[in-house]
């Protein structure tokens, strides 16, 4: 009988604790508390930006280099999508030297192997080492994401990608000011450097 009384007493105590907790949660806060002062009347302090201003000539060159790089990739994607055709004039406009030769060589390899490339890569280029002038140069570093740009066998649609190849690869290109506009001179993919 004694154990029953302890259990009954413990249940009653637990019930009282629950009721007290619920009542405490329902009571209104003490209205006599003094409000904390607001800092909203203090004006924010503005400091001048520590970012140095960009030389307009360099900024214009960077924009033109990125435009040439995008044009090069657009031409490359179009050439790889249908390697039965020779690369168009767009490639000649945006690629010179090794960059042009590499794309043309790949087109012929794809043609001989009956492969084409579906989709488009995602580009995130950054430009550095810009030298402006009649023999201007620059470096373009990019983490090219080829997840949605894949080679397939034209007859079957099966993947022609190398097994185990990373989908995002570091690509370093050089831009060159040729005649009267920026072009891409080299574009090297580092297959051992996923990014």
N, C-alpha and C. Protein backbone atom coordinates (compact mmCIF):
# COMPACT_ATOMS: atom_id res chain seq x y z
N UNK A 1 0.81 -1.18 0.00
CA UNK A 1 0.00 0.00 0.00
C UNK A 1 0.86 1.25 0.00
N UNK A 2 2.01 1.18 0.67
CA UNK A 2 2.90 2.32 0.75
C UNK A 2 3.41 2.73 -0.62
N UNK A 3 3.77 1.75 -1.47
CA UNK A 3 4.30 2.08 -2.79
C UNK A 3 3.24 2.78 -3.65
N UNK A 4 1.99 2.46 -3.41
CA UNK A 4 0.92 3.10 -4.15
C UNK A 4 0.79 4.58 -3.77
N UNK A 5 1.00 4.88 -2.51
CA UNK A 5 0.91 6.27 -2.05
C UNK A 5 2.04 7.10 -2.63
N UNK A 6 3.23 6.54 -2.71
CA UNK A 6 4.37 7.28 -3.27
C UNK A 6 4.12 7.55 -4.75
N UNK A 7 3.62 6.58 -5.45
CA UNK A 7 3.34 6.76 -6.86
C UNK A 7 2.27 7.81 -7.06
N UNK A 8 1.23 7.76 -6.22
CA UNK A 8 0.16 8.74 -6.32
C UNK A 8 0.69 10.13 -6.00
N UNK A 9 1.56 10.23 -5.02
CA UNK A 9 2.14 11.53 -4.63
C UNK A 9 3.07 12.06 -5.72
N UNK A 10 3.86 11.18 -6.34
CA UNK A 10 4.78 11.60 -7.40
C UNK A 10 3.99 12.10 -8.61
N UNK A 11 2.88 11.42 -8.91
CA UNK A 11 2.05 11.83 -10.05
C UNK A 11 1.43 13.19 -9.77
N UNK A 12 0.99 13.41 -8.54
CA UNK A 12 0.39 14.69 -8.18
C UNK A 12 1.43 15.80 -8.28
N UNK A 13 2.64 15.56 -7.82
CA UNK A 13 3.71 16.57 -7.87
C UNK A 13 4.07 16.89 -9.31
N UNK A 14 4.16 15.88 -10.14
CA UNK A 14 4.49 16.10 -11.56
C UNK A 14 3.40 16.91 -12.24
N UNK A 15 2.15 16.60 -11.89
CA UNK A 15 1.02 17.34 -12.47
C UNK A 15 1.07 18.80 -12.07
N UNK A 16 1.39 19.07 -10.79
CA UNK A 16 1.48 20.45 -10.32
C UNK A 16 2.60 21.21 -11.04
N UNK A 17 3.71 20.54 -11.29
CA UNK A 17 4.83 21.19 -12.00
C UNK A 17 4.42 21.56 -13.41
N UNK A 18 3.72 20.65 -14.09
CA UNK A 18 3.27 20.92 -15.46
C UNK A 18 2.30 22.09 -15.46
N UNK A 19 1.34 22.12 -14.52
CA UNK A 19 0.37 23.21 -14.44
C UNK A 19 1.06 24.53 -14.17
N UNK A 20 2.03 24.53 -13.26
CA UNK A 20 2.75 25.77 -12.92
C UNK A 20 3.53 26.28 -14.13
N UNK A 21 4.14 25.35 -14.87
CA UNK A 21 4.89 25.75 -16.07
C UNK A 21 3.97 26.35 -17.10
N UNK A 22 2.83 25.74 -17.35
CA UNK A 22 1.88 26.27 -18.32
C UNK A 22 1.34 27.62 -17.89
N UNK A 23 1.04 27.78 -16.63
CA UNK A 23 0.54 29.07 -16.14
C UNK A 23 1.60 30.14 -16.27
N UNK A 24 2.85 29.78 -16.00
CA UNK A 24 3.94 30.76 -16.13
C UNK A 24 4.11 31.21 -17.57
N UNK A 25 3.89 30.32 -18.49
CA UNK A 25 4.03 30.66 -19.90
C UNK A 25 2.89 31.54 -20.37
N UNK A 26 1.75 31.47 -19.70
CA UNK A 26 0.58 32.24 -20.13
C UNK A 26 0.50 33.61 -19.48
N UNK A 27 1.30 33.90 -18.47
CA UNK A 27 1.18 35.19 -17.80
C UNK A 27 1.83 36.28 -18.64
N UNK A 28 1.32 37.49 -18.49
CA UNK A 28 1.85 38.62 -19.23
C UNK A 28 3.18 39.04 -18.63
N UNK A 29 4.09 39.59 -19.45
CA UNK A 29 5.38 40.02 -18.92
C UNK A 29 5.19 41.21 -17.99
N UNK A 30 6.13 41.37 -17.12
CA UNK A 30 6.10 42.45 -16.14
C UNK A 30 6.15 43.79 -16.88
N UNK A 31 5.13 44.59 -16.68
CA UNK A 31 5.03 45.87 -17.36
C UNK A 31 5.90 46.94 -16.72
N UNK A 32 6.53 46.65 -15.59
CA UNK A 32 7.32 47.67 -14.91
C UNK A 32 8.76 47.69 -15.39
N UNK A 33 9.12 46.79 -16.30
CA UNK A 33 10.49 46.80 -16.81
C UNK A 33 10.71 48.08 -17.60
N UNK A 34 11.89 48.62 -17.47
CA UNK A 34 12.21 49.83 -18.23
C UNK A 34 12.71 49.42 -19.60
N UNK A 35 12.21 50.08 -20.62
CA UNK A 35 12.65 49.73 -21.98
C UNK A 35 14.11 50.10 -22.18
N UNK A 36 14.78 49.28 -22.99
CA UNK A 36 16.18 49.57 -23.31
C UNK A 36 16.23 50.70 -24.31
N UNK A 37 17.22 51.58 -24.19
CA UNK A 37 17.31 52.68 -25.15
C UNK A 37 17.61 52.15 -26.55
N UNK A 38 17.00 52.77 -27.52
CA UNK A 38 17.18 52.37 -28.91
C UNK A 38 18.35 53.13 -29.51
N UNK A 39 19.12 52.47 -30.34
CA UNK A 39 20.23 53.12 -31.03
C UNK A 39 19.83 53.59 -32.41
N UNK A 40 18.53 53.60 -32.68
CA UNK A 40 18.08 53.95 -34.02
C UNK A 40 18.32 55.41 -34.36
N UNK A 41 18.55 56.27 -33.35
CA UNK A 41 18.79 57.68 -33.64
C UNK A 41 20.23 57.94 -34.02
N UNK A 42 21.11 56.94 -33.88
CA UNK A 42 22.51 57.12 -34.23
C UNK A 42 22.67 56.82 -35.72
N UNK A 43 23.23 57.77 -36.44
CA UNK A 43 23.43 57.58 -37.88
C UNK A 43 24.59 56.63 -38.10
N UNK A 44 24.46 55.73 -39.09
CA UNK A 44 25.56 54.82 -39.38
C UNK A 44 26.76 55.59 -39.91
N UNK A 45 27.93 55.10 -39.58
CA UNK A 45 29.15 55.74 -40.05
C UNK A 45 29.52 55.13 -41.39
N UNK A 46 29.64 55.97 -42.39
CA UNK A 46 30.03 55.50 -43.71
C UNK A 46 31.51 55.73 -43.89
N UNK A 47 32.19 54.69 -44.37
CA UNK A 47 33.62 54.84 -44.63
C UNK A 47 33.86 54.68 -46.11
N UNK A 48 34.82 55.40 -46.65
CA UNK A 48 35.09 55.27 -48.07
C UNK A 48 35.57 53.86 -48.39
N UNK A 49 35.23 53.39 -49.56
CA UNK A 49 35.62 52.04 -49.99
C UNK A 49 37.14 51.98 -50.13
N UNK A 50 37.69 50.87 -49.68
CA UNK A 50 39.13 50.71 -49.79
C UNK A 50 39.51 50.04 -51.11
N UNK A 51 38.50 49.74 -51.96
CA UNK A 51 38.78 49.14 -53.25
C UNK A 51 39.35 50.19 -54.19
N UNK A 52 40.52 49.93 -54.74
CA UNK A 52 41.08 50.92 -55.66
C UNK A 52 40.25 50.98 -56.94
N UNK A 53 40.21 52.13 -57.55
CA UNK A 53 39.45 52.26 -58.78
C UNK A 53 40.20 51.55 -59.91
N UNK A 54 39.43 50.99 -60.83
CA UNK A 54 40.02 50.25 -61.94
C UNK A 54 40.27 51.22 -63.09
N UNK A 55 41.42 51.10 -63.70
CA UNK A 55 41.77 51.90 -64.86
C UNK A 55 40.75 51.62 -65.96
N UNK A 56 40.11 52.63 -66.52
CA UNK A 56 39.09 52.39 -67.55
C UNK A 56 39.63 51.63 -68.76
N UNK A 57 40.89 51.83 -69.10
CA UNK A 57 41.48 51.11 -70.22
C UNK A 57 41.55 49.62 -69.93
N UNK A 58 41.94 49.28 -68.70
CA UNK A 58 42.03 47.87 -68.28
C UNK A 58 40.62 47.27 -68.22
N UNK A 59 39.67 48.03 -67.68
CA UNK A 59 38.29 47.54 -67.59
C UNK A 59 37.71 47.27 -68.97
N UNK A 60 37.97 48.16 -69.92
CA UNK A 60 37.48 47.96 -71.29
C UNK A 60 38.15 46.75 -71.94
N UNK A 61 39.45 46.59 -71.69
CA UNK A 61 40.17 45.43 -72.23
C UNK A 61 39.62 44.14 -71.63
N UNK A 62 39.36 44.13 -70.33
CA UNK A 62 38.82 42.93 -69.68
C UNK A 62 37.47 42.55 -70.27
N UNK A 63 36.60 43.53 -70.50
CA UNK A 63 35.29 43.25 -71.09
C UNK A 63 35.45 42.68 -72.49
N UNK A 64 36.37 43.23 -73.28
CA UNK A 64 36.60 42.74 -74.65
C UNK A 64 37.20 41.34 -74.63
N UNK A 65 38.07 41.06 -73.68
CA UNK A 65 38.68 39.73 -73.55
C UNK A 65 37.62 38.70 -73.20
N UNK A 66 36.75 39.03 -72.25
CA UNK A 66 35.68 38.11 -71.87
C UNK A 66 34.71 37.88 -73.03
N UNK A 67 34.47 38.91 -73.81
CA UNK A 67 33.61 38.76 -75.00
C UNK A 67 34.26 37.82 -76.01
N UNK A 68 35.58 37.97 -76.23
CA UNK A 68 36.30 37.09 -77.15
C UNK A 68 36.30 35.66 -76.62
N UNK A 69 36.47 35.50 -75.32
CA UNK A 69 36.48 34.17 -74.72
C UNK A 69 35.13 33.49 -74.88
N UNK A 70 34.05 34.23 -74.64
CA UNK A 70 32.71 33.68 -74.83
C UNK A 70 32.47 33.34 -76.30
N UNK A 71 32.92 34.21 -77.21
CA UNK A 71 32.77 33.94 -78.64
C UNK A 71 33.54 32.70 -79.06
N UNK A 72 34.74 32.54 -78.51
CA UNK A 72 35.55 31.34 -78.78
C UNK A 72 34.80 30.09 -78.34
N UNK A 73 34.25 30.13 -77.13
CA UNK A 73 33.54 28.95 -76.63
C UNK A 73 32.25 28.69 -77.41
N UNK A 74 31.54 29.74 -77.78
CA UNK A 74 30.33 29.56 -78.59
C UNK A 74 30.67 28.87 -79.91
N UNK A 75 31.77 29.30 -80.55
CA UNK A 75 32.19 28.70 -81.81
C UNK A 75 32.65 27.26 -81.61
N UNK A 76 33.35 27.01 -80.51
CA UNK A 76 33.83 25.66 -80.20
C UNK A 76 32.65 24.71 -79.95
N UNK A 77 31.68 25.16 -79.17
CA UNK A 77 30.50 24.34 -78.88
C UNK A 77 29.75 24.02 -80.17
N UNK A 78 29.58 25.02 -81.02
CA UNK A 78 28.87 24.80 -82.29
C UNK A 78 29.64 23.83 -83.18
N UNK A 79 30.96 23.94 -83.24
CA UNK A 79 31.77 23.05 -84.07
C UNK A 79 31.73 21.62 -83.56
N UNK A 80 31.76 21.44 -82.23
CA UNK A 80 31.73 20.09 -81.65
C UNK A 80 30.33 19.47 -81.74
N UNK A 81 29.30 20.29 -81.80
CA UNK A 81 27.93 19.78 -81.89
C UNK A 81 27.66 19.13 -83.24
N UNK A 82 28.35 19.63 -84.29
CA UNK A 82 28.18 19.04 -85.63
C UNK A 82 29.54 19.00 -86.32
N UNK A 83 30.35 18.01 -85.98
CA UNK A 83 31.69 17.93 -86.56
C UNK A 83 31.70 17.50 -88.03
N UNK A 84 30.53 17.23 -88.62
CA UNK A 84 30.51 16.91 -90.05
C UNK A 84 30.79 18.16 -90.88
N UNK A 85 30.65 19.33 -90.27
CA UNK A 85 30.93 20.60 -90.94
C UNK A 85 32.26 21.14 -90.45
N UNK A 86 32.95 21.87 -91.30
CA UNK A 86 34.18 22.54 -90.88
C UNK A 86 33.81 23.70 -89.97
N UNK A 87 34.70 24.05 -89.02
CA UNK A 87 34.41 25.19 -88.14
C UNK A 87 34.11 26.44 -88.96
N UNK A 88 33.14 27.21 -88.48
CA UNK A 88 32.69 28.40 -89.20
C UNK A 88 33.58 29.61 -88.99
N UNK A 89 33.21 30.72 -89.61
CA UNK A 89 34.00 31.95 -89.51
C UNK A 89 34.06 32.52 -88.08
N UNK A 90 33.10 32.11 -87.25
CA UNK A 90 33.10 32.57 -85.85
C UNK A 90 34.38 32.11 -85.14
N UNK A 91 34.80 30.88 -85.42
CA UNK A 91 36.02 30.39 -84.79
C UNK A 91 37.22 31.21 -85.26
N UNK A 92 37.27 31.53 -86.55
CA UNK A 92 38.37 32.35 -87.09
C UNK A 92 38.37 33.74 -86.48
N UNK A 93 37.19 34.24 -86.13
CA UNK A 93 37.11 35.58 -85.54
C UNK A 93 37.67 35.60 -84.12
N UNK A 94 37.44 34.52 -83.35
CA UNK A 94 37.79 34.54 -81.93
C UNK A 94 38.99 33.69 -81.55
N UNK A 95 39.49 32.86 -82.46
CA UNK A 95 40.61 31.97 -82.12
C UNK A 95 41.74 32.12 -83.13
N UNK A 96 42.95 32.12 -82.63
CA UNK A 96 44.14 32.15 -83.48
C UNK A 96 45.13 31.10 -82.97
N UNK A 97 46.13 30.85 -83.78
CA UNK A 97 47.25 29.98 -83.41
C UNK A 97 46.77 28.64 -82.86
N UNK A 98 47.29 28.27 -81.69
CA UNK A 98 47.04 26.94 -81.11
C UNK A 98 45.58 26.74 -80.75
N UNK A 99 44.88 27.78 -80.28
CA UNK A 99 43.47 27.63 -79.91
C UNK A 99 42.65 27.23 -81.13
N UNK A 100 42.93 27.87 -82.28
CA UNK A 100 42.22 27.52 -83.51
C UNK A 100 42.58 26.11 -83.95
N UNK A 101 43.88 25.78 -83.96
CA UNK A 101 44.35 24.47 -84.42
C UNK A 101 43.79 23.35 -83.54
N UNK A 102 43.71 23.57 -82.23
CA UNK A 102 43.20 22.53 -81.32
C UNK A 102 41.72 22.23 -81.59
N UNK A 103 40.92 23.26 -81.80
CA UNK A 103 39.50 23.05 -82.08
C UNK A 103 39.34 22.34 -83.42
N UNK A 104 40.07 22.79 -84.45
CA UNK A 104 39.96 22.16 -85.77
C UNK A 104 40.39 20.70 -85.70
N UNK A 105 41.45 20.40 -84.97
CA UNK A 105 41.93 19.02 -84.82
C UNK A 105 40.89 18.16 -84.12
N UNK A 106 40.27 18.70 -83.07
CA UNK A 106 39.23 17.95 -82.34
C UNK A 106 38.03 17.68 -83.23
N UNK A 107 37.66 18.66 -84.06
CA UNK A 107 36.53 18.47 -84.98
C UNK A 107 36.81 17.30 -85.91
N UNK A 108 38.01 17.23 -86.45
CA UNK A 108 38.35 16.13 -87.36
C UNK A 108 38.38 14.79 -86.63
N UNK A 109 38.87 14.77 -85.39
CA UNK A 109 38.88 13.55 -84.59
C UNK A 109 37.46 13.08 -84.33
N UNK A 110 36.58 14.01 -83.92
CA UNK A 110 35.18 13.66 -83.69
C UNK A 110 34.52 13.14 -84.97
N UNK A 111 34.82 13.79 -86.09
CA UNK A 111 34.24 13.38 -87.37
C UNK A 111 34.65 11.94 -87.70
N UNK A 112 35.95 11.66 -87.56
CA UNK A 112 36.46 10.31 -87.87
C UNK A 112 35.91 9.25 -86.93
N UNK A 113 35.62 9.63 -85.71
CA UNK A 113 35.13 8.67 -84.71
C UNK A 113 33.61 8.63 -84.63
N UNK A 114 32.92 9.44 -85.47
CA UNK A 114 31.46 9.52 -85.47
C UNK A 114 30.93 9.90 -84.08
N UNK A 115 31.55 10.94 -83.52
CA UNK A 115 31.17 11.47 -82.21
C UNK A 115 30.75 12.93 -82.38
N UNK A 116 29.77 13.34 -81.61
CA UNK A 116 29.46 14.77 -81.50
C UNK A 116 29.24 15.07 -80.01
N UNK A 117 29.22 16.35 -79.67
CA UNK A 117 29.10 16.74 -78.26
C UNK A 117 27.78 17.47 -78.05
N UNK A 118 26.98 16.94 -77.12
CA UNK A 118 25.67 17.53 -76.80
C UNK A 118 25.79 18.53 -75.66
N UNK A 119 24.92 19.53 -75.69
CA UNK A 119 24.80 20.46 -74.57
C UNK A 119 25.77 21.62 -74.62
N UNK A 120 25.97 22.22 -73.46
CA UNK A 120 26.87 23.38 -73.33
C UNK A 120 27.60 23.30 -71.99
N UNK A 121 28.85 23.75 -71.96
CA UNK A 121 29.54 23.83 -70.68
C UNK A 121 29.14 25.09 -69.93
N UNK A 122 29.41 25.10 -68.64
CA UNK A 122 29.20 26.30 -67.83
C UNK A 122 30.57 26.91 -67.59
N UNK A 123 30.71 28.18 -67.91
CA UNK A 123 31.99 28.88 -67.80
C UNK A 123 31.96 29.87 -66.64
N UNK A 124 33.09 30.00 -65.95
CA UNK A 124 33.23 30.99 -64.88
C UNK A 124 34.63 31.61 -64.97
N UNK A 125 34.90 32.34 -66.05
CA UNK A 125 36.26 32.83 -66.28
C UNK A 125 36.63 34.04 -65.43
N UNK A 126 37.92 34.15 -65.13
CA UNK A 126 38.48 35.36 -64.54
C UNK A 126 39.69 35.75 -65.37
N UNK A 127 39.89 37.04 -65.53
CA UNK A 127 40.97 37.56 -66.36
C UNK A 127 42.03 38.17 -65.46
N UNK A 128 43.29 37.91 -65.79
CA UNK A 128 44.41 38.49 -65.04
C UNK A 128 45.55 38.82 -66.00
N UNK A 129 46.56 39.47 -65.47
CA UNK A 129 47.78 39.79 -66.23
C UNK A 129 47.49 40.51 -67.54
N UNK A 130 46.59 41.48 -67.50
CA UNK A 130 46.21 42.20 -68.72
C UNK A 130 47.30 43.19 -69.10
N UNK A 131 47.75 43.07 -70.34
CA UNK A 131 48.68 44.03 -70.93
C UNK A 131 47.97 44.58 -72.15
N UNK A 132 47.75 45.89 -72.19
CA UNK A 132 47.03 46.48 -73.31
C UNK A 132 48.02 47.01 -74.34
N UNK A 133 47.52 47.27 -75.53
CA UNK A 133 48.37 47.79 -76.60
C UNK A 133 48.25 46.93 -77.84
N UNK A 134 49.07 47.26 -78.83
CA UNK A 134 48.99 46.56 -80.11
C UNK A 134 49.40 45.09 -80.01
N UNK A 135 50.15 44.74 -78.99
CA UNK A 135 50.51 43.33 -78.76
C UNK A 135 50.03 42.90 -77.38
N UNK A 136 48.81 43.29 -77.06
CA UNK A 136 48.24 43.01 -75.74
C UNK A 136 48.07 41.53 -75.48
N UNK A 137 48.17 41.18 -74.21
CA UNK A 137 47.99 39.79 -73.78
C UNK A 137 47.25 39.77 -72.45
N UNK A 138 46.74 38.61 -72.13
CA UNK A 138 46.07 38.41 -70.84
C UNK A 138 45.95 36.91 -70.60
N UNK A 139 45.69 36.57 -69.34
CA UNK A 139 45.48 35.19 -68.94
C UNK A 139 44.04 35.03 -68.49
N UNK A 140 43.41 33.95 -68.90
CA UNK A 140 42.03 33.65 -68.50
C UNK A 140 42.06 32.30 -67.78
N UNK A 141 41.60 32.30 -66.54
CA UNK A 141 41.51 31.07 -65.77
C UNK A 141 40.03 30.74 -65.59
N UNK A 142 39.70 29.47 -65.81
CA UNK A 142 38.30 29.09 -65.77
C UNK A 142 38.18 27.68 -65.19
N UNK A 143 37.09 27.46 -64.45
CA UNK A 143 36.72 26.12 -64.02
C UNK A 143 35.55 25.72 -64.92
N UNK A 144 35.87 25.04 -66.02
CA UNK A 144 34.86 24.68 -67.01
C UNK A 144 34.08 23.47 -66.51
N UNK A 145 32.77 23.64 -66.39
CA UNK A 145 31.90 22.57 -65.93
C UNK A 145 31.25 21.90 -67.15
N UNK A 146 31.72 20.69 -67.45
CA UNK A 146 31.22 19.96 -68.61
C UNK A 146 30.13 18.95 -68.28
N UNK A 147 29.51 19.12 -67.11
CA UNK A 147 28.47 18.17 -66.70
C UNK A 147 27.38 18.03 -67.76
N UNK A 148 26.98 19.13 -68.35
CA UNK A 148 25.92 19.11 -69.37
C UNK A 148 26.46 19.32 -70.78
N UNK A 149 27.72 18.94 -70.99
CA UNK A 149 28.37 19.05 -72.30
C UNK A 149 29.14 17.76 -72.51
N UNK A 150 28.50 16.78 -73.12
CA UNK A 150 29.05 15.43 -73.15
C UNK A 150 29.16 14.87 -74.57
N UNK A 151 30.28 14.17 -74.85
CA UNK A 151 30.44 13.52 -76.16
C UNK A 151 29.63 12.23 -76.22
N UNK A 152 28.99 12.00 -77.36
CA UNK A 152 28.22 10.78 -77.57
C UNK A 152 28.52 10.24 -78.97
N UNK A 153 28.35 8.94 -79.13
CA UNK A 153 28.45 8.33 -80.45
C UNK A 153 27.19 8.68 -81.23
N UNK A 154 27.38 9.25 -82.39
CA UNK A 154 26.26 9.75 -83.18
C UNK A 154 25.28 8.64 -83.55
N UNK A 155 25.77 7.45 -83.87
CA UNK A 155 24.88 6.38 -84.32
C UNK A 155 24.03 5.78 -83.20
N UNK A 156 24.57 5.77 -81.97
CA UNK A 156 23.85 5.11 -80.87
C UNK A 156 23.38 6.06 -79.78
N UNK A 157 24.00 7.21 -79.68
CA UNK A 157 23.69 8.14 -78.60
C UNK A 157 24.34 7.75 -77.28
N UNK A 158 25.14 6.69 -77.29
CA UNK A 158 25.83 6.26 -76.06
C UNK A 158 27.01 7.19 -75.76
N UNK A 159 27.34 7.28 -74.50
CA UNK A 159 28.41 8.16 -74.06
C UNK A 159 29.75 7.76 -74.68
N UNK A 160 30.50 8.76 -75.09
CA UNK A 160 31.85 8.55 -75.60
C UNK A 160 32.87 9.17 -74.65
N UNK A 161 32.42 9.55 -73.46
CA UNK A 161 33.31 10.20 -72.49
C UNK A 161 34.29 9.18 -71.91
N UNK A 162 35.47 9.65 -71.59
CA UNK A 162 36.47 8.80 -70.94
C UNK A 162 35.96 8.43 -69.56
N UNK A 163 36.06 7.16 -69.17
CA UNK A 163 35.57 6.76 -67.85
C UNK A 163 36.34 7.44 -66.73
N UNK A 164 35.61 7.87 -65.70
CA UNK A 164 36.23 8.46 -64.52
C UNK A 164 36.73 9.88 -64.69
N UNK A 165 36.44 10.51 -65.80
CA UNK A 165 36.90 11.88 -66.04
C UNK A 165 36.09 12.86 -65.19
N UNK A 166 36.79 13.77 -64.53
CA UNK A 166 36.11 14.80 -63.74
C UNK A 166 35.28 15.69 -64.67
N UNK A 167 34.16 16.18 -64.17
CA UNK A 167 33.27 17.02 -64.97
C UNK A 167 33.67 18.49 -64.96
N UNK A 168 34.38 18.90 -63.91
CA UNK A 168 34.82 20.30 -63.81
C UNK A 168 36.34 20.31 -63.84
N UNK A 169 36.88 20.99 -64.86
CA UNK A 169 38.33 20.97 -65.04
C UNK A 169 38.88 22.39 -65.18
N UNK A 170 40.06 22.57 -64.61
CA UNK A 170 40.76 23.85 -64.71
C UNK A 170 41.22 24.06 -66.14
N UNK A 171 40.88 25.21 -66.69
CA UNK A 171 41.29 25.57 -68.05
C UNK A 171 41.98 26.92 -68.00
N UNK A 172 43.17 26.98 -68.58
CA UNK A 172 43.92 28.23 -68.63
C UNK A 172 44.09 28.62 -70.10
N UNK A 173 43.66 29.82 -70.42
CA UNK A 173 43.73 30.31 -71.79
C UNK A 173 44.53 31.61 -71.83
N UNK A 174 45.06 31.90 -73.00
CA UNK A 174 45.73 33.19 -73.19
C UNK A 174 44.97 33.98 -74.24
N UNK A 175 44.80 35.23 -73.97
CA UNK A 175 44.18 36.14 -74.92
C UNK A 175 45.29 36.94 -75.60
N UNK A 176 45.04 37.32 -76.83
CA UNK A 176 46.03 38.04 -77.61
C UNK A 176 45.32 39.08 -78.46
N UNK A 177 45.84 40.31 -78.45
CA UNK A 177 45.25 41.36 -79.27
C UNK A 177 45.81 41.19 -80.67
N UNK A 178 44.96 40.76 -81.59
CA UNK A 178 45.39 40.42 -82.94
C UNK A 178 44.72 41.34 -83.94
N UNK A 179 45.50 42.06 -84.70
CA UNK A 179 45.08 43.04 -85.69
C UNK A 179 44.31 44.17 -85.02
N UNK A 180 43.01 43.97 -84.76
CA UNK A 180 42.23 45.07 -84.17
C UNK A 180 41.27 44.60 -83.09
N UNK A 181 41.43 43.36 -82.62
CA UNK A 181 40.50 42.86 -81.60
C UNK A 181 41.17 41.74 -80.79
N UNK A 182 40.55 41.44 -79.65
CA UNK A 182 41.06 40.38 -78.78
C UNK A 182 40.64 39.02 -79.32
N UNK A 183 41.55 38.06 -79.20
CA UNK A 183 41.30 36.69 -79.62
C UNK A 183 41.83 35.74 -78.54
N UNK A 184 41.50 34.48 -78.68
CA UNK A 184 42.05 33.46 -77.79
C UNK A 184 43.17 32.75 -78.54
N UNK A 185 44.35 32.74 -77.93
CA UNK A 185 45.54 32.17 -78.60
C UNK A 185 45.80 30.72 -78.19
N UNK A 186 45.62 30.42 -76.91
CA UNK A 186 45.77 29.06 -76.42
C UNK A 186 44.65 28.79 -75.41
N UNK A 187 44.32 27.52 -75.27
CA UNK A 187 43.34 27.13 -74.25
C UNK A 187 43.68 25.70 -73.85
N UNK A 188 44.24 25.56 -72.65
CA UNK A 188 44.72 24.27 -72.18
C UNK A 188 43.91 23.77 -71.00
N UNK A 189 43.41 22.55 -71.12
CA UNK A 189 42.65 21.90 -70.06
C UNK A 189 43.61 21.04 -69.26
N UNK A 190 43.59 21.21 -67.95
CA UNK A 190 44.41 20.37 -67.07
C UNK A 190 43.52 19.25 -66.53
N UNK A 191 43.58 18.09 -67.17
CA UNK A 191 42.71 16.98 -66.81
C UNK A 191 43.05 16.38 -65.44
N UNK A 192 44.22 16.75 -64.92
CA UNK A 192 44.59 16.26 -63.59
C UNK A 192 44.21 17.24 -62.50
N UNK A 193 43.57 18.35 -62.87
CA UNK A 193 43.23 19.38 -61.88
C UNK A 193 41.73 19.67 -61.89
N UNK A 194 40.94 18.78 -61.26
CA UNK A 194 39.51 19.11 -61.14
C UNK A 194 39.34 20.34 -60.25
N UNK A 195 38.29 21.08 -60.49
CA UNK A 195 38.09 22.31 -59.70
C UNK A 195 36.65 22.37 -59.19
